[in-house]
Protein backbone atom coordinates (compact mmCIF):
# COMPACT_ATOMS: atom_id res chain seq x y z
CA UNK A 1 27.63 24.16 8.78
CA UNK A 2 28.14 25.05 5.15
CA UNK A 3 26.98 23.03 2.15
CA UNK A 4 27.99 23.61 -1.44
CA UNK A 5 25.32 23.59 -4.11
CA UNK A 6 26.51 23.61 -7.74
CA UNK A 7 24.38 25.18 -10.41
CA UNK A 8 25.37 24.37 -13.96
CA UNK A 9 24.41 27.10 -16.43
CA UNK A 10 24.47 25.95 -20.11
CA UNK A 11 25.36 28.38 -22.81
CA UNK A 12 24.16 28.33 -26.47
CA UNK A 13 27.61 27.14 -27.49
CA UNK A 14 27.20 24.16 -25.23
CA UNK A 15 29.88 25.49 -22.93
CA UNK A 16 29.11 25.52 -19.23
CA UNK A 17 30.24 27.62 -16.29
CA UNK A 18 29.97 26.64 -12.73
CA UNK A 19 28.78 28.89 -9.84
CA UNK A 20 29.31 27.89 -6.18
CA UNK A 21 26.73 29.05 -3.70
CA UNK A 22 27.38 28.70 0.01
CA UNK A 23 24.21 27.88 2.03
CA UNK A 24 24.12 28.26 5.78
CA UNK A 25 22.07 25.42 7.24
CA UNK A 26 20.79 25.32 10.83
CA UNK A 27 23.22 23.50 13.19
CA UNK A 28 22.90 22.70 16.87
CA UNK A 29 24.16 19.97 19.19
CA UNK A 30 22.31 16.63 18.83
CA UNK A 31 19.32 16.28 21.08
CA UNK A 32 17.55 13.13 22.30
CA UNK A 33 14.34 12.30 20.43
CA UNK A 34 11.96 9.83 22.10
CA UNK A 35 8.96 8.10 20.65
CA UNK A 36 7.25 6.68 23.77
CA UNK A 37 3.67 6.29 22.56
CA UNK A 38 2.37 3.10 24.09
CA UNK A 39 -0.81 1.71 22.55
CA UNK A 40 -2.97 -0.63 24.64
CA UNK A 41 -5.18 -3.08 22.68
CA UNK A 42 -8.14 -4.59 24.72
CA UNK A 43 -7.92 -7.67 22.49
CA UNK A 44 -4.71 -8.76 24.38
CA UNK A 45 -3.97 -9.06 28.11
CA UNK A 46 -0.37 -7.99 27.58
CA UNK A 47 1.43 -5.19 25.81
CA UNK A 48 4.83 -4.98 24.33
CA UNK A 49 6.17 -1.62 25.48
CA UNK A 50 8.37 -0.24 22.70
CA UNK A 51 10.20 3.04 23.03
CA UNK A 52 12.28 4.35 20.14
CA UNK A 53 15.19 6.58 21.02
CA UNK A 54 17.57 8.43 18.69
CA UNK A 55 19.55 11.66 18.40
CA UNK A 56 18.46 14.57 16.20
CA UNK A 57 20.91 15.46 13.45
CA UNK A 58 21.71 18.58 11.52
CA UNK A 59 20.57 18.93 7.86
CA UNK A 60 22.01 16.37 5.43
CA UNK A 61 23.42 14.26 8.31
CA UNK A 62 22.24 10.70 9.02
CA UNK A 63 20.19 10.25 12.22
CA UNK A 64 22.33 8.51 14.85
CA UNK A 65 21.07 6.10 17.49
CA UNK A 66 21.42 7.05 21.17
CA UNK A 67 23.00 4.50 23.52
CA UNK A 68 21.19 4.82 26.82
CA UNK A 69 22.50 3.79 30.22
CA UNK A 70 19.01 2.74 31.33
CA UNK A 71 15.33 3.28 30.48
CA UNK A 72 12.48 2.30 32.81
CA UNK A 73 8.72 2.72 33.11
CA UNK A 74 7.46 2.70 36.73
CA UNK A 75 3.89 2.37 38.01
CA UNK A 76 4.05 4.83 40.90
CA UNK A 77 0.80 3.60 42.45
CA UNK A 78 1.33 -0.13 42.28
CA UNK A 79 2.24 -1.93 45.53
CA UNK A 80 6.02 -2.07 45.94
CA UNK A 81 5.95 -5.86 46.12
CA UNK A 82 4.04 -6.15 42.92
CA UNK A 83 6.02 -8.07 40.33
CA UNK A 84 7.20 -5.79 37.57
CA UNK A 85 6.42 -2.55 39.34
CA UNK A 86 9.58 -1.10 37.79
CA UNK A 87 9.75 -2.13 34.12
CA UNK A 88 13.27 -2.11 32.75
CA UNK A 89 13.27 -1.83 28.97
CA UNK A 90 15.97 -3.65 27.01
CA UNK A 91 17.43 -2.99 23.58
CA UNK A 92 16.89 -6.44 22.23
CA UNK A 93 18.79 -5.65 19.02
CA UNK A 94 21.94 -3.71 19.88
CA UNK A 95 22.27 -0.48 17.94
CA UNK A 96 18.58 -0.37 16.97
CA UNK A 97 17.59 2.35 19.43
CA UNK A 98 14.42 0.35 20.20
CA UNK A 99 13.89 -0.53 23.91
CA UNK A 100 11.25 -3.06 24.75
CA UNK A 101 9.51 -5.07 27.48
CA UNK A 102 6.31 -7.14 27.51
CA UNK A 103 4.11 -6.51 30.57
CA UNK A 104 0.61 -7.18 31.83
CA UNK A 105 -1.87 -4.51 30.80
CA UNK A 106 -2.90 -3.80 34.38
CA UNK A 107 0.58 -2.30 35.08
CA UNK A 108 -0.09 0.32 32.41
CA UNK A 109 -3.82 1.03 32.79
CA UNK A 110 -4.02 1.57 36.55
CA UNK A 111 -2.09 4.37 38.31
CA UNK A 112 0.47 7.03 37.47
CA UNK A 113 3.28 6.08 35.16
CA UNK A 114 6.80 7.49 35.16
CA UNK A 115 9.25 7.20 32.26
CA UNK A 116 12.87 7.58 33.28
CA UNK A 117 15.81 7.71 30.87
CA UNK A 118 19.49 7.84 31.95
CA UNK A 119 21.74 9.26 29.21
CA UNK A 120 25.20 10.78 29.50
CA UNK A 121 24.91 11.59 33.21
CA UNK A 122 21.49 13.22 32.79
CA UNK A 123 18.12 11.86 33.92
CA UNK A 124 15.12 12.60 31.74
CA UNK A 125 11.58 11.91 33.02
CA UNK A 126 7.95 12.21 31.97
CA UNK A 127 4.76 11.29 33.80
CA UNK A 128 1.44 10.21 32.37
CA UNK A 129 -1.66 8.13 32.97
CA UNK A 130 -3.56 5.76 30.73
CA UNK A 131 -6.21 7.39 28.58
CA UNK A 132 -9.19 5.35 27.30
CA UNK A 133 -11.06 5.87 24.08
CA UNK A 134 -14.11 4.49 22.20
CA UNK A 135 -14.22 1.99 19.29
CA UNK A 136 -14.63 3.00 15.67
CA UNK A 137 -18.30 2.39 14.89
CA UNK A 138 -18.03 2.07 11.10
CA UNK A 139 -15.79 2.55 8.11
CA UNK A 140 -17.02 3.05 4.53
CA UNK A 141 -15.56 4.10 1.25
CA UNK A 142 -17.14 7.21 -0.24
CA UNK A 143 -17.17 8.63 -3.73
CA UNK A 144 -16.34 12.26 -3.16
CA UNK A 145 -13.04 13.87 -4.01
CA UNK A 146 -11.21 17.09 -3.23
CA UNK A 147 -8.80 18.92 -5.52
CA UNK A 148 -7.14 16.52 -7.86
CA UNK A 149 -10.07 14.21 -8.28
CA UNK A 150 -7.84 11.23 -7.49
CA UNK A 151 -8.33 11.14 -3.71
CA UNK A 152 -9.91 8.23 -1.94
CA UNK A 153 -12.61 9.11 0.56
CA UNK A 154 -13.03 7.07 3.75
CA UNK A 155 -16.05 7.82 5.96
CA UNK A 156 -15.43 7.23 9.69
CA UNK A 157 -17.95 7.24 12.47
CA UNK A 158 -17.69 6.68 16.29
CA UNK A 159 -19.87 7.22 19.36
CA UNK A 160 -18.53 9.74 21.78
CA UNK A 161 -18.76 8.96 25.50
CA UNK A 162 -21.13 11.51 27.15
CA UNK A 163 -19.59 10.96 30.61
CA UNK A 164 -16.22 12.56 29.94
CA UNK A 165 -14.40 15.13 27.81
CA UNK A 166 -12.55 13.27 25.14
CA UNK A 167 -9.66 14.01 22.79
CA UNK A 168 -8.96 11.66 19.88
CA UNK A 169 -6.05 10.95 17.60
CA UNK A 170 -6.71 8.99 14.38
CA UNK A 171 -3.84 7.04 12.77
CA UNK A 172 -4.78 6.58 9.12
CA UNK A 173 -1.71 4.51 8.19
CA UNK A 174 1.03 5.79 5.88
CA UNK A 175 2.18 8.20 8.62
CA UNK A 176 -1.05 10.20 8.31
CA UNK A 177 -2.79 11.51 11.45
CA UNK A 178 -5.73 13.60 12.42
CA UNK A 179 -6.87 15.06 15.81
CA UNK A 180 -10.30 15.94 17.03
CA UNK A 181 -12.03 16.77 20.37
CA UNK A 182 -15.65 16.30 21.45
CA UNK A 183 -16.45 19.92 22.34
CA UNK A 184 -19.18 20.13 19.77
CA UNK A 185 -20.43 16.52 19.64
CA UNK A 186 -20.15 15.24 23.16
CA UNK A 187 -22.27 12.16 23.73
CA UNK A 188 -23.21 11.97 20.08
CA UNK A 189 -22.34 9.90 17.00
CA UNK A 190 -19.72 11.80 15.03
CA UNK A 191 -19.07 11.10 11.37
CA UNK A 192 -16.45 12.65 9.06
CA UNK A 193 -14.62 12.00 5.81
CA UNK A 194 -10.87 11.57 5.41
CA UNK A 195 -9.23 11.76 2.01
CA UNK A 196 -6.11 9.92 1.02
CA UNK A 197 -4.20 11.76 -1.66
CA UNK A 198 -1.68 8.91 -2.24
CA UNK A 199 -2.65 6.32 -4.76
CA UNK A 200 -4.68 3.47 -3.38
CA UNK A 201 -5.67 0.57 -5.59
CA UNK A 202 -8.60 -1.85 -5.51
CA UNK A 203 -7.85 -4.59 -3.09
CA UNK A 204 -5.53 -2.56 -0.90
CA UNK A 205 -6.23 -2.98 2.83
CA UNK A 206 -5.95 0.09 5.00
CA UNK A 207 -5.71 -0.02 8.80
CA UNK A 208 -7.30 2.81 10.73
CA UNK A 209 -6.74 3.32 14.43
CA UNK A 210 -8.46 5.55 17.05
CA UNK A 211 -6.32 6.53 20.06
CA UNK A 212 -7.28 8.10 23.33
CA UNK A 213 -5.46 11.31 24.33
CA UNK A 214 -5.32 13.81 27.17
CA UNK A 215 -5.35 17.51 26.30
CA UNK A 216 -1.53 17.77 26.43
CA UNK A 217 -0.93 14.97 24.00
CA UNK A 218 -3.72 16.26 21.74
CA UNK A 219 -2.08 19.72 21.60
CA UNK A 220 1.33 18.20 20.98
CA UNK A 221 0.12 16.03 18.09
CA UNK A 222 -1.83 18.93 16.63
CA UNK A 223 1.30 21.04 16.52
CA UNK A 224 3.36 18.29 14.91
CA UNK A 225 0.67 17.60 12.25
CA UNK A 226 0.52 21.31 11.37
CA UNK A 227 4.30 21.54 11.17
CA UNK A 228 4.61 18.36 9.09
CA UNK A 229 2.21 19.82 6.58
CA UNK A 230 1.31 16.43 5.24
CA UNK A 231 4.84 15.83 3.81
CA UNK A 232 6.01 13.58 6.56
CA UNK A 233 4.63 11.80 9.61
CA UNK A 234 4.59 13.60 12.98
CA UNK A 235 7.08 11.08 14.37
CA UNK A 236 9.79 12.16 11.98
CA UNK A 237 12.36 14.57 13.25
CA UNK A 238 10.75 18.00 13.02
CA UNK A 239 12.49 20.93 11.35
CA UNK A 240 11.50 23.21 14.22
CA UNK A 241 11.24 22.47 17.85
CA UNK A 242 7.94 21.18 19.31
CA UNK A 243 8.35 20.39 22.99
CA UNK A 244 6.76 17.38 24.51
CA UNK A 245 6.37 16.33 28.12
CA UNK A 246 9.84 14.77 28.67
CA UNK A 247 12.11 17.02 30.80
CA UNK A 248 15.59 16.97 32.27
CA UNK A 249 15.22 16.10 35.97
CA UNK A 250 18.95 15.88 36.86
CA UNK A 251 18.66 18.77 39.30
CA UNK A 252 15.12 18.28 40.48
CA UNK A 253 14.80 16.90 44.03
CA UNK A 254 11.04 17.09 44.28
CA UNK A 255 9.09 14.44 42.32
CA UNK A 256 6.02 16.71 42.21
CA UNK A 257 7.92 19.35 40.28
CA UNK A 258 7.85 18.59 36.58
CA UNK A 259 9.32 21.58 34.73
CA UNK A 260 12.63 22.82 33.23
CA UNK A 261 12.99 26.00 35.19
CA UNK A 262 16.63 25.33 36.00
CA UNK A 263 17.67 24.17 32.54
CA UNK A 264 15.14 25.49 30.04
CA UNK A 265 17.26 24.50 26.98
CA UNK A 266 18.12 21.00 28.20
CA UNK A 267 15.12 19.04 27.15
CA UNK A 268 14.15 15.99 25.02
CA UNK A 269 12.06 15.94 21.88
CA UNK A 270 9.14 13.54 21.86
CA UNK A 271 6.32 12.49 24.07
CA UNK A 272 5.36 9.78 26.64
CA UNK A 273 1.75 8.66 26.43
CA UNK A 274 -0.11 5.49 27.29
CA UNK A 275 -3.41 5.24 25.45
CA UNK A 276 -6.13 2.79 24.51
CA UNK A 277 -6.39 1.99 20.81
CA UNK A 278 -9.09 0.36 18.70
CA UNK A 279 -8.36 -0.72 15.14
CA UNK A 280 -10.38 -1.48 12.05
CA UNK A 281 -9.44 -2.29 8.46
CA UNK A 282 -11.11 -1.47 5.18
CA UNK A 283 -10.49 -2.97 1.75
CA UNK A 284 -10.41 -0.40 -1.05
CA UNK A 285 -12.87 -1.07 -3.85
């Protein structure tokens, strides 16, 4: 795909000439992009599953919505006669690309979960299990700054669970994320500072969430955060390919085989994860 960029060069006589520069921009066929992060709040007995599906686009093109034939989440270990064992997600608002279903938390927190997407004669799948986390122990506003002197410091603390190896994802609102693991603070109280470089005013309320993660999801989010470089959220379409755990299963006849050996280039962007989330808010002073 070629795009034309015009550069106007003024002369001292206020005459202008026009140069045309042809820029080659990356172009490839659209690919499915799936945001299937399901957050479970203990404060509610039910969860509204919401999966956002769209197509990637080339540079300068609008992001189109993907029209799926079907999308389901199945609890592979629930009894077959259990109501809602296969959860069919519906696009409540046609053309939105958002597929939803409200279910009991027990269907998501107990057993193996399978995401299945039917799109243009292909079947894409991903498998995961619910990952718990710990609550945020405290939030406080600090007084330190970093480079510009205008940053807002928020001090976060939480108590790590000594009985398991934990990976954490922090959602700091405004599409800002951070990942950490408990390798060096297992079973201890861990405290750190996070600095917002966008302008926050006195009275603003900021929501901060802690999410559980397995090692695969932790690594995936870490790559996206590094790639985003702080300029966009990790759930925006990345400029380079970061592969998640959703694969093309059209030619796989063994449910225990979850790889793309047969079609290594036919894959979906995005990730399927079901995690516990705890939330707290802080009012900026």
